[in-house]
Amino acid sequence: MKNIWLIGASEGIGKALAKELSLDNNNYLILSARNQESLHELSSTIKNSLVTYLDVSNAKSIKDSLAIFKNNNIRVDCLIYLAGFYEPMSATKINMAAVEKMIDINLTGAIRVISILAPEFIANRSGHIVLIGSVAGYRGLPNAIGYSASKAGIINFAENLKCDLPKYGIKIQVINPGFVKTRLTDKNNFKMPFIISPEEAAKNIVKIMKSNKFESRFPFIFANLLKLVSQLPYWLYFKIVSLIK
């Protein structure tokens, strides 16, 4: 049985991903987030699962979760980091509290968790780390102060891990979705092209996890278009971005 630690499982993509992963009876899910009520409700529908409260901004909270795993004789085989926070923001009016929260949850939290878990993976000479980034991390975007930077950081962090950990038998993947219908994207006041449901996003993630791809993105047309645009020289990129209303 494969023990999968899903961080950020209480809502949106995380909740849908937990349900999708539970369809495979060989998976045992460790569901973590700050919203305990939602986690227990989700866990009640999943036979092979364990719930742990987790605040990714607190190292002690992470260590407490690992202690619970040890007490239950659970060795984590796969980590999926989905914890996220988003607040639309222009550089004309920066809310530092929101920026700091986005950086801490979206990026620093992932580094904090992996700094504590990676030594176990290294000692075991096995493991699978899946970081959920965003196409917003490919290049700086309008009204994305904090969020875009945090997702660019996640992509770069995944590259760091890919440089250092495969020699210990550890598989690294970063997955960059486009727009997914969640409580976070509901904050946007513009039409989101090619937006998909959390359930569709979950199916894509599970499919990608079974592959050997390091970096993947979806939905195919929109995400690959953004990837292509991100490769353009700055003068042309910013000219295109200036046309976005």
C-alpha atoms as a PDB file:
ATOM      1  CA  MET A   1       0.000   0.000   0.000  1.00  0.00           C
ATOM      2  CA  LYS A   2       1.251   3.486  -0.892  1.00  0.00           C
ATOM      3  CA  ASN A   3       1.024   6.128   1.841  1.00  0.00           C
ATOM      4  CA  ILE A   4       0.280   9.537   0.301  1.00  0.00           C
ATOM      5  CA  TRP A   5       0.495  12.697   2.410  1.00  0.00           C
ATOM      6  CA  LEU A   6      -1.830  15.271   0.854  1.00  0.00           C
ATOM      7  CA  ILE A   7      -1.338  18.746   2.299  1.00  0.00           C
ATOM      8  CA  GLY A   8      -4.163  21.155   1.544  1.00  0.00           C
ATOM      9  CA  ALA A   9      -6.833  18.465   1.323  1.00  0.00           C
ATOM     10  CA  SER A  10      -9.795  20.244   2.888  1.00  0.00           C
ATOM     11  CA  GLU A  11     -11.120  22.213  -0.109  1.00  0.00           C
ATOM     12  CA  GLY A  12     -10.949  22.770  -3.863  1.00  0.00           C
ATOM     13  CA  ILE A  13      -8.395  20.778  -5.833  1.00  0.00           C
ATOM     14  CA  GLY A  14      -7.094  19.053  -2.699  1.00  0.00           C
ATOM     15  CA  LYS A  15     -10.495  17.668  -1.748  1.00  0.00           C
ATOM     16  CA  ALA A  16     -11.171  16.491  -5.303  1.00  0.00           C
ATOM     17  CA  LEU A  17      -7.688  14.959  -5.510  1.00  0.00           C
ATOM     18  CA  ALA A  18      -8.223  13.040  -2.262  1.00  0.00           C
ATOM     19  CA  LYS A  19     -11.396  11.511  -3.694  1.00  0.00           C
ATOM     20  CA  GLU A  20      -9.685  10.669  -6.980  1.00  0.00           C
ATOM     21  CA  LEU A  21      -6.703   9.030  -5.255  1.00  0.00           C
ATOM     22  CA  SER A  22      -9.028   7.049  -2.985  1.00  0.00           C
ATOM     23  CA  LEU A  23     -10.397   5.214  -6.037  1.00  0.00           C
ATOM     24  CA  ASP A  24      -7.183   3.186  -5.981  1.00  0.00           C
ATOM     25  CA  ASN A  25      -7.455   0.760  -3.053  1.00  0.00           C
ATOM     26  CA  ASN A  26      -3.669   0.548  -2.912  1.00  0.00           C
ATOM     27  CA  ASN A  27      -3.496   4.155  -1.682  1.00  0.00           C
ATOM     28  CA  TYR A  28      -3.612   5.137   1.988  1.00  0.00           C
ATOM     29  CA  LEU A  29      -4.272   8.868   2.317  1.00  0.00           C
ATOM     30  CA  ILE A  30      -2.971  11.147   5.035  1.00  0.00           C
ATOM     31  CA  LEU A  31      -5.163  14.231   4.799  1.00  0.00           C
ATOM     32  CA  SER A  32      -3.761  17.446   6.259  1.00  0.00           C
ATOM     33  CA  ALA A  33      -4.949  21.053   6.453  1.00  0.00           C
ATOM     34  CA  ARG A  34      -5.980  23.623   9.035  1.00  0.00           C
ATOM     35  CA  ASN A  35      -9.726  23.080   8.549  1.00  0.00           C
ATOM     36  CA  GLN A  36     -10.337  20.033  10.736  1.00  0.00           C
ATOM     37  CA  GLU A  37     -14.099  19.953  10.259  1.00  0.00           C
ATOM     38  CA  SER A  38     -13.786  19.690   6.479  1.00  0.00           C
ATOM     39  CA  LEU A  39     -11.004  17.115   6.782  1.00  0.00           C
ATOM     40  CA  HIS A  40     -13.006  14.816   9.049  1.00  0.00           C
ATOM     41  CA  GLU A  41     -16.023  15.135   6.783  1.00  0.00           C
ATOM     42  CA  LEU A  42     -13.847  14.160   3.816  1.00  0.00           C
ATOM     43  CA  SER A  43     -12.125  11.348   5.689  1.00  0.00           C
ATOM     44  CA  SER A  44     -15.490   9.816   6.621  1.00  0.00           C
ATOM     45  CA  THR A  45     -16.021   9.093   2.908  1.00  0.00           C
ATOM     46  CA  ILE A  46     -12.549   7.571   2.403  1.00  0.00           C
ATOM     47  CA  LYS A  47     -11.893   4.148   3.933  1.00  0.00           C
ATOM     48  CA  ASN A  48      -8.099   4.165   3.949  1.00  0.00           C
ATOM     49  CA  SER A  49      -7.302   7.566   5.451  1.00  0.00           C
ATOM     50  CA  LEU A  50      -5.903   9.417   8.436  1.00  0.00           C
ATOM     51  CA  VAL A  51      -6.485  13.078   9.362  1.00  0.00           C
ATOM     52  CA  THR A  52      -3.857  15.368  10.895  1.00  0.00           C
ATOM     53  CA  TYR A  53      -4.156  19.073  11.705  1.00  0.00           C
ATOM     54  CA  LEU A  54      -1.394  20.963   9.938  1.00  0.00           C
ATOM     55  CA  ASP A  55      -0.295  24.588   9.838  1.00  0.00           C
ATOM     56  CA  VAL A  56       2.470  24.783   7.234  1.00  0.00           C
ATOM     57  CA  SER A  57       3.640  28.110   8.675  1.00  0.00           C
ATOM     58  CA  ASN A  58       4.621  26.335  11.907  1.00  0.00           C
ATOM     59  CA  ALA A  59       7.528  23.874  12.001  1.00  0.00           C
ATOM     60  CA  LYS A  60       6.269  22.311  15.235  1.00  0.00           C
ATOM     61  CA  SER A  61       2.920  21.535  13.594  1.00  0.00           C
ATOM     62  CA  ILE A  62       4.750  19.710  10.797  1.00  0.00           C
ATOM     63  CA  LYS A  63       6.884  17.737  13.251  1.00  0.00           C
ATOM     64  CA  ASP A  64       3.763  16.852  15.266  1.00  0.00           C
ATOM     65  CA  SER A  65       2.192  15.361  12.133  1.00  0.00           C
ATOM     66  CA  LEU A  66       5.292  13.275  11.454  1.00  0.00           C
ATOM     67  CA  ALA A  67       5.207  12.063  15.071  1.00  0.00           C
ATOM     68  CA  ILE A  68       1.612  10.904  14.536  1.00  0.00           C
ATOM     69  CA  PHE A  69       2.708   8.995  11.434  1.00  0.00           C
ATOM     70  CA  LYS A  70       5.491   7.315  13.414  1.00  0.00           C
ATOM     71  CA  ASN A  71       3.111   6.373  16.239  1.00  0.00           C
ATOM     72  CA  ASN A  72       0.805   4.784  13.660  1.00  0.00           C
ATOM     73  CA  ASN A  73       3.689   2.972  11.935  1.00  0.00           C
ATOM     74  CA  ILE A  74       3.132   4.985   8.754  1.00  0.00           C
ATOM     75  CA  ARG A  75       6.032   5.725   6.437  1.00  0.00           C
ATOM     76  CA  VAL A  76       5.227   8.464   3.931  1.00  0.00           C
ATOM     77  CA  ASP A  77       5.856   7.310   0.367  1.00  0.00           C
ATOM     78  CA  CYS A  78       4.535  10.356  -1.482  1.00  0.00           C
ATOM     79  CA  LEU A  79       4.059  14.016  -0.548  1.00  0.00           C
ATOM     80  CA  ILE A  80       1.649  16.225  -2.494  1.00  0.00           C
ATOM     81  CA  TYR A  81       1.876  19.899  -1.522  1.00  0.00           C
ATOM     82  CA  LEU A  82      -1.330  21.733  -2.387  1.00  0.00           C
ATOM     83  CA  ALA A  83      -1.654  24.268   0.421  1.00  0.00           C
ATOM     84  CA  GLY A  84      -2.311  27.669  -1.092  1.00  0.00           C
ATOM     85  CA  PHE A  85      -3.526  31.203  -0.570  1.00  0.00           C
ATOM     86  CA  TYR A  86      -4.406  33.811  -3.176  1.00  0.00           C
ATOM     87  CA  GLU A  87      -5.399  37.446  -3.149  1.00  0.00           C
ATOM     88  CA  PRO A  88      -5.603  39.425  -6.433  1.00  0.00           C
ATOM     89  CA  MET A  89      -3.304  42.413  -6.106  1.00  0.00           C
ATOM     90  CA  SER A  90      -1.851  45.184  -8.244  1.00  0.00           C
ATOM     91  CA  ALA A  91       1.528  46.806  -7.664  1.00  0.00           C
ATOM     92  CA  THR A  92      -0.391  50.087  -7.346  1.00  0.00           C
ATOM     93  CA  LYS A  93      -1.778  48.975  -3.983  1.00  0.00           C
ATOM     94  CA  ILE A  94       0.281  46.325  -2.220  1.00  0.00           C
ATOM     95  CA  ASN A  95      -1.160  44.655   0.874  1.00  0.00           C
ATOM     96  CA  MET A  96       1.946  43.369   2.643  1.00  0.00           C
ATOM     97  CA  ALA A  97       0.037  41.146   5.073  1.00  0.00           C
ATOM     98  CA  ALA A  98      -1.586  39.308   2.150  1.00  0.00           C
ATOM     99  CA  VAL A  99       1.715  39.119   0.234  1.00  0.00           C
ATOM    100  CA  GLU A 100       3.507  37.635   3.235  1.00  0.00           C
ATOM    101  CA  LYS A 101       0.715  35.078   3.698  1.00  0.00           C
ATOM    102  CA  MET A 102       0.902  34.031   0.035  1.00  0.00           C
ATOM    103  CA  ILE A 103       4.687  33.628   0.148  1.00  0.00           C
ATOM    104  CA  ASP A 104       4.580  31.766   3.468  1.00  0.00           C
ATOM    105  CA  ILE A 105       1.817  29.306   2.581  1.00  0.00           C
ATOM    106  CA  ASN A 106       2.498  28.828  -1.128  1.00  0.00           C
ATOM    107  CA  LEU A 107       6.295  28.697  -1.054  1.00  0.00           C
ATOM    108  CA  THR A 108       7.976  28.807   2.352  1.00  0.00           C
ATOM    109  CA  GLY A 109       5.507  26.260   3.727  1.00  0.00           C
ATOM    110  CA  ALA A 110       6.519  23.769   1.037  1.00  0.00           C
ATOM    111  CA  ILE A 111      10.203  24.292   1.802  1.00  0.00           C
ATOM    112  CA  ARG A 112       9.475  23.987   5.531  1.00  0.00           C
ATOM    113  CA  VAL A 113       7.664  20.651   5.089  1.00  0.00           C
ATOM    114  CA  ILE A 114      10.265  19.176   2.751  1.00  0.00           C
ATOM    115  CA  SER A 115      13.181  20.285   4.927  1.00  0.00           C
ATOM    116  CA  ILE A 116      11.710  18.044   7.651  1.00  0.00           C
ATOM    117  CA  LEU A 117      10.507  15.162   5.434  1.00  0.00           C
ATOM    118  CA  ALA A 118      13.393  14.946   2.934  1.00  0.00           C
ATOM    119  CA  PRO A 119      15.874  13.388   5.402  1.00  0.00           C
ATOM    120  CA  GLU A 120      13.469  10.439   5.832  1.00  0.00           C
ATOM    121  CA  PHE A 121      13.152  10.022   2.062  1.00  0.00           C
ATOM    122  CA  ILE A 122      16.938  10.188   1.735  1.00  0.00           C
ATOM    123  CA  ALA A 123      17.447   7.611   4.507  1.00  0.00           C
ATOM    124  CA  ASN A 124      14.883   5.305   2.877  1.00  0.00           C
ATOM    125  CA  ARG A 125      16.364   5.849  -0.592  1.00  0.00           C
ATOM    126  CA  SER A 126      12.859   6.362  -1.964  1.00  0.00           C
ATOM    127  CA  GLY A 127      10.055   8.911  -2.102  1.00  0.00           C
ATOM    128  CA  HIS A 128       7.894  10.981  -4.414  1.00  0.00           C
ATOM    129  CA  ILE A 129       7.441  14.755  -4.067  1.00  0.00           C
ATOM    130  CA  VAL A 130       4.687  16.497  -6.042  1.00  0.00           C
ATOM    131  CA  LEU A 131       4.513  20.299  -5.861  1.00  0.00           C
ATOM    132  CA  ILE A 132       1.448  22.035  -7.262  1.00  0.00           C
ATOM    133  CA  GLY A 133       2.517  25.274  -8.858  1.00  0.00           C
ATOM    134  CA  SER A 134       0.636  27.382 -11.404  1.00  0.00           C
ATOM    135  CA  VAL A 135       1.037  28.725 -14.919  1.00  0.00           C
ATOM    136  CA  ALA A 136       1.078  32.084 -13.095  1.00  0.00           C
ATOM    137  CA  GLY A 137       4.620  31.198 -12.093  1.00  0.00           C
ATOM    138  CA  TYR A 138       5.976  31.200 -15.640  1.00  0.00           C
ATOM    139  CA  ARG A 139       6.296  34.994 -15.820  1.00  0.00           C
ATOM    140  CA  GLY A 140       5.146  38.060 -13.903  1.00  0.00           C
ATOM    141  CA  LEU A 141       1.478  38.860 -14.571  1.00  0.00           C
ATOM    142  CA  PRO A 142      -0.805  41.861 -14.009  1.00  0.00           C
ATOM    143  CA  ASN A 143      -2.604  41.989 -10.639  1.00  0.00           C
ATOM    144  CA  ALA A 144      -0.664  38.998  -9.321  1.00  0.00           C
ATOM    145  CA  ILE A 145       1.734  40.548  -6.811  1.00  0.00           C
ATOM    146  CA  GLY A 146       2.814  37.903  -4.305  1.00  0.00           C
ATOM    147  CA  TYR A 147       0.979  34.979  -5.883  1.00  0.00           C
ATOM    148  CA  SER A 148       2.894  34.928  -9.158  1.00  0.00           C
ATOM    149  CA  ALA A 149       6.185  35.266  -7.296  1.00  0.00           C
ATOM    150  CA  SER A 150       5.301  32.443  -4.904  1.00  0.00           C
ATOM    151  CA  LYS A 151       4.457  30.091  -7.767  1.00  0.00           C
ATOM    152  CA  ALA A 152       7.600  31.051  -9.669  1.00  0.00           C
ATOM    153  CA  GLY A 153       9.422  30.180  -6.452  1.00  0.00           C
ATOM    154  CA  ILE A 154       7.735  26.768  -6.275  1.00  0.00           C
ATOM    155  CA  ILE A 155       8.829  25.968  -9.831  1.00  0.00           C
ATOM    156  CA  ASN A 156      12.391  27.035  -9.043  1.00  0.00           C
ATOM    157  CA  PHE A 157      12.337  25.091  -5.759  1.00  0.00           C
ATOM    158  CA  ALA A 158      11.212  21.973  -7.631  1.00  0.00           C
ATOM    159  CA  GLU A 159      14.171  22.465  -9.972  1.00  0.00           C
ATOM    160  CA  ASN A 160      16.477  22.671  -6.939  1.00  0.00           C
ATOM    161  CA  LEU A 161      15.051  19.393  -5.619  1.00  0.00           C
ATOM    162  CA  LYS A 162      15.409  17.762  -9.035  1.00  0.00           C
ATOM    163  CA  CYS A 163      19.103  18.691  -9.037  1.00  0.00           C
ATOM    164  CA  ASP A 164      19.782  17.249  -5.583  1.00  0.00           C
ATOM    165  CA  LEU A 165      17.454  14.356  -4.741  1.00  0.00           C
ATOM    166  CA  PRO A 166      16.994  11.861  -7.621  1.00  0.00           C
ATOM    167  CA  LYS A 167      20.307  10.184  -6.763  1.00  0.00           C
ATOM    168  CA  TYR A 168      18.593   9.055  -3.542  1.00  0.00           C
ATOM    169  CA  GLY A 169      15.756   7.392  -5.441  1.00  0.00           C
ATOM    170  CA  ILE A 170      13.391  10.341  -4.940  1.00  0.00           C
ATOM    171  CA  LYS A 171      11.023  11.321  -7.761  1.00  0.00           C
ATOM    172  CA  ILE A 172      10.315  15.052  -8.150  1.00  0.00           C
ATOM    173  CA  GLN A 173       7.402  16.583 -10.065  1.00  0.00           C
ATOM    174  CA  VAL A 174       5.948  20.068 -10.370  1.00  0.00           C
ATOM    175  CA  ILE A 175       2.476  20.449 -11.858  1.00  0.00           C
ATOM    176  CA  ASN A 176       1.250  23.830 -13.112  1.00  0.00           C
ATOM    177  CA  PRO A 177      -2.522  24.131 -13.583  1.00  0.00           C
ATOM    178  CA  GLY A 178      -4.290  26.971 -15.341  1.00  0.00           C
ATOM    179  CA  PHE A 179      -7.559  28.323 -13.964  1.00  0.00           C
ATOM    180  CA  VAL A 180      -9.480  25.913 -11.722  1.00  0.00           C
ATOM    181  CA  LYS A 181     -12.901  26.770 -10.279  1.00  0.00           C
ATOM    182  CA  THR A 182     -12.288  27.124  -6.514  1.00  0.00           C
ATOM    183  CA  ARG A 183     -13.001  29.576  -3.699  1.00  0.00           C
ATOM    184  CA  LEU A 184      -9.659  31.231  -4.536  1.00  0.00           C
ATOM    185  CA  THR A 185     -10.312  31.832  -8.233  1.00  0.00           C
ATOM    186  CA  ASP A 186     -13.801  33.047  -7.280  1.00  0.00           C
ATOM    187  CA  LYS A 187     -11.978  36.181  -6.094  1.00  0.00           C
ATOM    188  CA  ASN A 188     -11.107  37.103  -9.688  1.00  0.00           C
ATOM    189  CA  ASN A 189     -13.282  39.728 -11.364  1.00  0.00           C
ATOM    190  CA  PHE A 190     -12.353  38.816 -14.936  1.00  0.00           C
ATOM    191  CA  LYS A 191     -13.307  36.047 -17.316  1.00  0.00           C
ATOM    192  CA  MET A 192     -10.937  33.118 -16.846  1.00  0.00           C
ATOM    193  CA  PRO A 193     -10.221  31.293 -20.126  1.00  0.00           C
ATOM    194  CA  PHE A 194     -10.380  27.489 -20.244  1.00  0.00           C
ATOM    195  CA  ILE A 195     -11.376  27.258 -16.557  1.00  0.00           C
ATOM    196  CA  ILE A 196     -11.889  23.675 -15.392  1.00  0.00           C
ATOM    197  CA  SER A 197     -13.483  21.964 -12.390  1.00  0.00           C
ATOM    198  CA  PRO A 198     -11.474  20.670  -9.401  1.00  0.00           C
ATOM    199  CA  GLU A 199     -12.510  17.154 -10.394  1.00  0.00           C
ATOM    200  CA  GLU A 200     -11.001  17.545 -13.858  1.00  0.00           C
ATOM    201  CA  ALA A 201      -7.860  19.028 -12.335  1.00  0.00           C
ATOM    202  CA  ALA A 202      -7.605  16.050  -9.958  1.00  0.00           C
ATOM    203  CA  LYS A 203      -7.836  13.569 -12.824  1.00  0.00           C
ATOM    204  CA  ASN A 204      -5.036  15.405 -14.636  1.00  0.00           C
ATOM    205  CA  ILE A 205      -2.831  15.400 -11.531  1.00  0.00           C
ATOM    206  CA  VAL A 206      -3.255  11.662 -10.908  1.00  0.00           C
ATOM    207  CA  LYS A 207      -2.444  10.921 -14.554  1.00  0.00           C
ATOM    208  CA  ILE A 208       0.685  13.090 -14.399  1.00  0.00           C
ATOM    209  CA  MET A 209       1.826  11.485 -11.131  1.00  0.00           C
ATOM    210  CA  LYS A 210       1.943   8.133 -12.910  1.00  0.00           C
ATOM    211  CA  SER A 211       4.259   9.573 -15.578  1.00  0.00           C
ATOM    212  CA  ASN A 212       7.967  10.340 -15.407  1.00  0.00           C
ATOM    213  CA  LYS A 213       7.538  13.984 -16.416  1.00  0.00           C
ATOM    214  CA  PHE A 214       9.271  16.562 -14.223  1.00  0.00           C
ATOM    215  CA  GLU A 215       7.156  19.586 -15.206  1.00  0.00           C
ATOM    216  CA  SER A 216       3.604  19.333 -16.520  1.00  0.00           C
ATOM    217  CA  ARG A 217       0.752  21.742 -17.144  1.00  0.00           C
ATOM    218  CA  PHE A 218      -2.939  21.756 -17.994  1.00  0.00           C
ATOM    219  CA  PRO A 219      -5.397  22.419 -19.571  1.00  0.00           C
ATOM    220  CA  PHE A 220      -3.377  21.614 -22.675  1.00  0.00           C
ATOM    221  CA  ILE A 221      -4.151  24.524 -25.040  1.00  0.00           C
ATOM    222  CA  PHE A 222      -4.202  27.372 -22.504  1.00  0.00           C
ATOM    223  CA  ALA A 223      -1.264  26.186 -20.392  1.00  0.00           C
ATOM    224  CA  ASN A 224       0.958  25.470 -23.362  1.00  0.00           C
ATOM    225  CA  LEU A 225       0.118  28.848 -24.886  1.00  0.00           C
ATOM    226  CA  LEU A 226       1.207  30.572 -21.677  1.00  0.00           C
ATOM    227  CA  LYS A 227       4.357  28.472 -21.581  1.00  0.00           C
ATOM    228  CA  LEU A 228       5.136  29.539 -25.158  1.00  0.00           C
ATOM    229  CA  VAL A 229       4.464  33.210 -24.415  1.00  0.00           C
ATOM    230  CA  SER A 230       6.692  33.016 -21.341  1.00  0.00           C
ATOM    231  CA  GLN A 231       9.638  32.126 -23.593  1.00  0.00           C
ATOM    232  CA  LEU A 232       9.355  35.347 -25.602  1.00  0.00           C
ATOM    233  CA  PRO A 233      11.896  38.167 -25.171  1.00  0.00           C
ATOM    234  CA  TYR A 234      10.866  40.713 -22.546  1.00  0.00           C
ATOM    235  CA  TRP A 235      10.115  43.511 -25.000  1.00  0.00           C
ATOM    236  CA  LEU A 236       7.594  41.352 -26.829  1.00  0.00           C
ATOM    237  CA  TYR A 237       6.219  39.701 -23.695  1.00  0.00           C
ATOM    238  CA  PHE A 238       5.424  43.024 -22.012  1.00  0.00           C
ATOM    239  CA  LYS A 239       3.909  44.377 -25.226  1.00  0.00           C
ATOM    240  CA  ILE A 240       1.504  41.408 -25.264  1.00  0.00           C
ATOM    241  CA  VAL A 241       0.764  41.747 -21.542  1.00  0.00           C
ATOM    242  CA  SER A 242      -0.040  45.449 -21.990  1.00  0.00           C
ATOM    243  CA  LEU A 243      -2.955  44.409 -24.224  1.00  0.00           C
ATOM    244  CA  ILE A 244      -4.600  42.487 -21.376  1.00  0.00           C
ATOM    245  CA  LYS A 245      -7.573  44.389 -20.021  1.00  0.00           C
END
